[in-house]
């Protein structure tokens, strides 16, 4: 199993003093020759993750918040990297597939053969109102469009762009004759969905799925693992019906601490800080802590190994972006995950 990291941006990352400073700075003009603090933080953390051996960096997308635009930020950071895979997130409701295909192909040539897409189909209604023209009648319409979106991107990347998609797939989109090919083909697509129709979309169209392990903080790890096992088995069966194989990831907040009790106490303090300082940010719930990768390093390694035994190929780590955090996580998960090897 490989390791990845969420690049620290305000809406997906637990509170830290430096992150709070970047959020405040986003609302002020920059001095001449001054870099945006959010870019500086993202660059430094991604380069540190690359140095430590993390395999992939996720740049989450949020349009309403103070975050820098995900594809712009990812491309700027990518130009400084040499090994780590660069994965911006995208919701198809905000893009046309041929435009996203060109963005991804461009990124895959800036970071040669190292681009990926985190394909996200659910989003906040406020962002949809302000930044998208898409309005879906129901879930089936949403996910049918998403399937046609992915098929169109792949057709554009493969230069099979001389005919429209069959109407039964999606007459809305036509692959483009794009004279720019990715450095790697095809560019992998990572997806997350929880609805029944969304799971079929993942099984039919995505390369990786971030498995469902349930929610809440009061569950035992045995319960978490059993939920993940059921969801992985279900996705395997769905993908098989479409003649496909989908790989799996686990998205989790990882926090090494002296004990489980100390780790959960720290998370509770962080949750209160977020609610007091930035209550509008969705990370306030710290829901990814529900994977229960909190506590002593040996416990975290044991639980990460249990996810790997279920078939997870990637542990994507959310974390508190403070000095030394990425290294502490790498040391904790190294017995179970190939970090720095």
Foldseek 3Di string as FASTA:
>chain_A
DAEAEEQDAPQAAFDDPLNLVLQVCLVDDDDPPDDRSSLVSSLVVVVVQVQFFHAEYEQEADDPGSGDGRLVSQLVSLLVDAGHAYEYEDEVQQDQLQVVLVSQQVSCVSHPNRYAYEYEHDDDPVCCVVRGPDDDPDPLRSLLVVLLSLVLSLCLQVQVQPDADPVVSPNVDGRDNDPGHHSDPPHAYEYEDDDPSVLLSCLQGHQEYAFDQDWDDPDDLVSSLVRRLVRQVVSQVSNVVNVHGHAYEHEAAAEEDAAQVVFVVVVVVSLVVCCVSPVPRNCSVVTRCNNVNTYHLQVNQVSLQSSVVSGHPYYYYHYHPDPPTSVVNCVSNVVRHPTND
